[in-house]
N, C-alpha and C. Protein backbone atom coordinates (compact mmCIF):
# COMPACT_ATOMS: atom_id res chain seq x y z
N MET A 1 1.12 -10.57 26.52
CA MET A 1 2.20 -10.40 25.59
C MET A 1 3.55 -10.54 26.29
N TRP A 2 3.68 -10.01 27.50
CA TRP A 2 4.95 -10.09 28.18
C TRP A 2 5.24 -11.48 28.74
N ALA A 3 4.21 -12.33 28.87
CA ALA A 3 4.41 -13.65 29.45
C ALA A 3 4.87 -14.68 28.41
N ARG A 4 4.75 -14.34 27.12
CA ARG A 4 5.15 -15.31 26.10
C ARG A 4 6.66 -15.46 26.06
N PRO A 5 7.15 -16.65 25.68
CA PRO A 5 8.60 -16.83 25.54
C PRO A 5 9.14 -15.98 24.39
N ARG A 6 10.33 -15.51 24.54
CA ARG A 6 10.96 -14.67 23.52
C ARG A 6 11.75 -15.53 22.54
N GLY A 7 11.97 -14.98 21.37
CA GLY A 7 12.73 -15.68 20.34
C GLY A 7 14.23 -15.45 20.51
N LEU A 8 14.98 -16.09 19.68
CA LEU A 8 16.44 -16.01 19.73
C LEU A 8 16.91 -14.60 19.40
N PHE A 9 16.26 -13.94 18.45
CA PHE A 9 16.66 -12.59 18.07
C PHE A 9 16.52 -11.61 19.23
N PHE A 10 15.45 -11.74 20.01
CA PHE A 10 15.25 -10.88 21.18
C PHE A 10 16.39 -11.05 22.17
N TRP A 11 16.75 -12.29 22.49
CA TRP A 11 17.80 -12.53 23.47
C TRP A 11 19.15 -12.08 22.95
N LEU A 12 19.39 -12.24 21.66
CA LEU A 12 20.65 -11.79 21.08
C LEU A 12 20.76 -10.27 21.17
N CYS A 13 19.70 -9.57 20.83
CA CYS A 13 19.70 -8.10 20.94
C CYS A 13 19.86 -7.66 22.38
N LEU A 14 19.18 -8.31 23.30
CA LEU A 14 19.28 -7.96 24.71
C LEU A 14 20.70 -8.15 25.23
N VAL A 15 21.34 -9.24 24.88
CA VAL A 15 22.71 -9.49 25.33
C VAL A 15 23.66 -8.44 24.74
N ILE A 16 23.48 -8.09 23.47
CA ILE A 16 24.34 -7.09 22.84
C ILE A 16 24.17 -5.73 23.52
N VAL A 17 22.93 -5.34 23.77
CA VAL A 17 22.69 -4.05 24.42
C VAL A 17 23.26 -4.04 25.84
N LEU A 18 23.02 -5.08 26.61
CA LEU A 18 23.54 -5.13 27.97
C LEU A 18 25.06 -5.15 27.99
N PHE A 19 25.68 -5.86 27.05
CA PHE A 19 27.14 -5.90 26.96
C PHE A 19 27.68 -4.50 26.63
N THR A 20 27.01 -3.82 25.70
CA THR A 20 27.45 -2.48 25.31
C THR A 20 27.32 -1.51 26.48
N VAL A 21 26.23 -1.61 27.23
CA VAL A 21 26.04 -0.74 28.39
C VAL A 21 27.10 -1.03 29.45
N ALA A 22 27.46 -2.29 29.62
CA ALA A 22 28.44 -2.65 30.64
C ALA A 22 29.86 -2.24 30.24
N VAL A 23 30.19 -2.34 28.94
CA VAL A 23 31.56 -2.07 28.51
C VAL A 23 31.79 -0.59 28.23
N LYS A 24 30.85 0.05 27.55
CA LYS A 24 31.01 1.45 27.14
C LYS A 24 29.78 2.27 27.56
N PRO A 25 29.58 2.52 28.84
CA PRO A 25 28.36 3.21 29.27
C PRO A 25 28.27 4.65 28.79
N VAL A 26 29.40 5.38 28.74
CA VAL A 26 29.35 6.78 28.34
C VAL A 26 29.03 6.90 26.85
N GLU A 27 29.67 6.08 26.03
CA GLU A 27 29.40 6.11 24.60
C GLU A 27 27.96 5.70 24.31
N PHE A 28 27.46 4.73 25.05
CA PHE A 28 26.07 4.28 24.87
C PHE A 28 25.11 5.41 25.23
N ALA A 29 25.39 6.12 26.30
CA ALA A 29 24.54 7.25 26.70
C ALA A 29 24.58 8.35 25.64
N HIS A 30 25.74 8.59 25.04
CA HIS A 30 25.84 9.60 23.99
C HIS A 30 25.02 9.19 22.77
N VAL A 31 25.04 7.92 22.44
CA VAL A 31 24.25 7.43 21.30
C VAL A 31 22.76 7.60 21.58
N ILE A 32 22.33 7.23 22.78
CA ILE A 32 20.91 7.33 23.12
C ILE A 32 20.46 8.79 23.09
N THR A 33 21.24 9.69 23.68
CA THR A 33 20.84 11.10 23.67
C THR A 33 20.88 11.68 22.26
N GLY A 34 21.82 11.23 21.44
CA GLY A 34 21.86 11.68 20.06
C GLY A 34 20.65 11.22 19.27
N VAL A 35 20.26 9.98 19.47
CA VAL A 35 19.08 9.46 18.79
C VAL A 35 17.83 10.21 19.24
N LEU A 36 17.69 10.45 20.53
CA LEU A 36 16.53 11.18 21.03
C LEU A 36 16.49 12.61 20.50
N ARG A 37 17.66 13.25 20.41
CA ARG A 37 17.72 14.61 19.88
C ARG A 37 17.32 14.62 18.40
N CYS A 38 17.79 13.65 17.63
CA CYS A 38 17.44 13.59 16.20
C CYS A 38 15.96 13.29 16.00
N VAL A 39 15.40 12.42 16.81
CA VAL A 39 13.97 12.12 16.70
C VAL A 39 13.15 13.36 17.05
N GLY A 40 13.56 14.09 18.07
CA GLY A 40 12.87 15.32 18.43
C GLY A 40 12.96 16.36 17.33
N ALA A 41 14.13 16.48 16.70
CA ALA A 41 14.28 17.44 15.60
C ALA A 41 13.42 17.03 14.41
N PHE A 42 13.33 15.74 14.14
CA PHE A 42 12.51 15.26 13.03
C PHE A 42 11.05 15.63 13.25
N PHE A 43 10.52 15.35 14.44
CA PHE A 43 9.11 15.63 14.70
C PHE A 43 8.84 17.14 14.80
N SER A 44 9.81 17.89 15.25
CA SER A 44 9.66 19.34 15.27
C SER A 44 9.58 19.88 13.84
N GLY A 45 10.45 19.40 12.98
CA GLY A 45 10.40 19.80 11.57
C GLY A 45 9.12 19.36 10.90
N LEU A 46 8.67 18.15 11.24
CA LEU A 46 7.41 17.66 10.68
C LEU A 46 6.24 18.53 11.13
N ARG A 47 6.25 18.97 12.38
CA ARG A 47 5.19 19.85 12.87
C ARG A 47 5.18 21.18 12.12
N HIS A 48 6.38 21.75 11.90
CA HIS A 48 6.46 23.00 11.15
C HIS A 48 5.99 22.81 9.71
N PHE A 49 6.34 21.70 9.12
CA PHE A 49 5.93 21.42 7.74
C PHE A 49 4.41 21.29 7.65
N LEU A 50 3.81 20.56 8.59
CA LEU A 50 2.36 20.38 8.58
C LEU A 50 1.64 21.69 8.87
N ASN A 51 2.21 22.53 9.74
CA ASN A 51 1.63 23.85 9.99
C ASN A 51 1.69 24.72 8.74
N ALA A 52 2.78 24.62 8.01
CA ALA A 52 2.89 25.40 6.76
C ALA A 52 1.87 24.92 5.74
N LEU A 53 1.66 23.61 5.69
CA LEU A 53 0.65 23.09 4.76
C LEU A 53 -0.75 23.51 5.17
N ALA A 54 -0.99 23.58 6.47
CA ALA A 54 -2.33 23.93 6.96
C ALA A 54 -2.65 25.40 6.70
N THR A 55 -1.65 26.25 6.68
CA THR A 55 -1.91 27.67 6.47
C THR A 55 -2.08 28.04 5.00
N THR A 56 -1.70 27.16 4.10
CA THR A 56 -1.82 27.48 2.67
C THR A 56 -3.13 26.95 2.11
């Protein structure tokens, strides 16, 4: 899978991400940590919801 040639969309996204990291590294790091925190909160809430369903 990794040896196949990539499409134009992949390279466009890669260039945009690398440009963003190079120009605004602190803001990019804040976005990444914010996304990770929100994903963690989502799965934590989902776990609590499923536990509540399992106990009823």
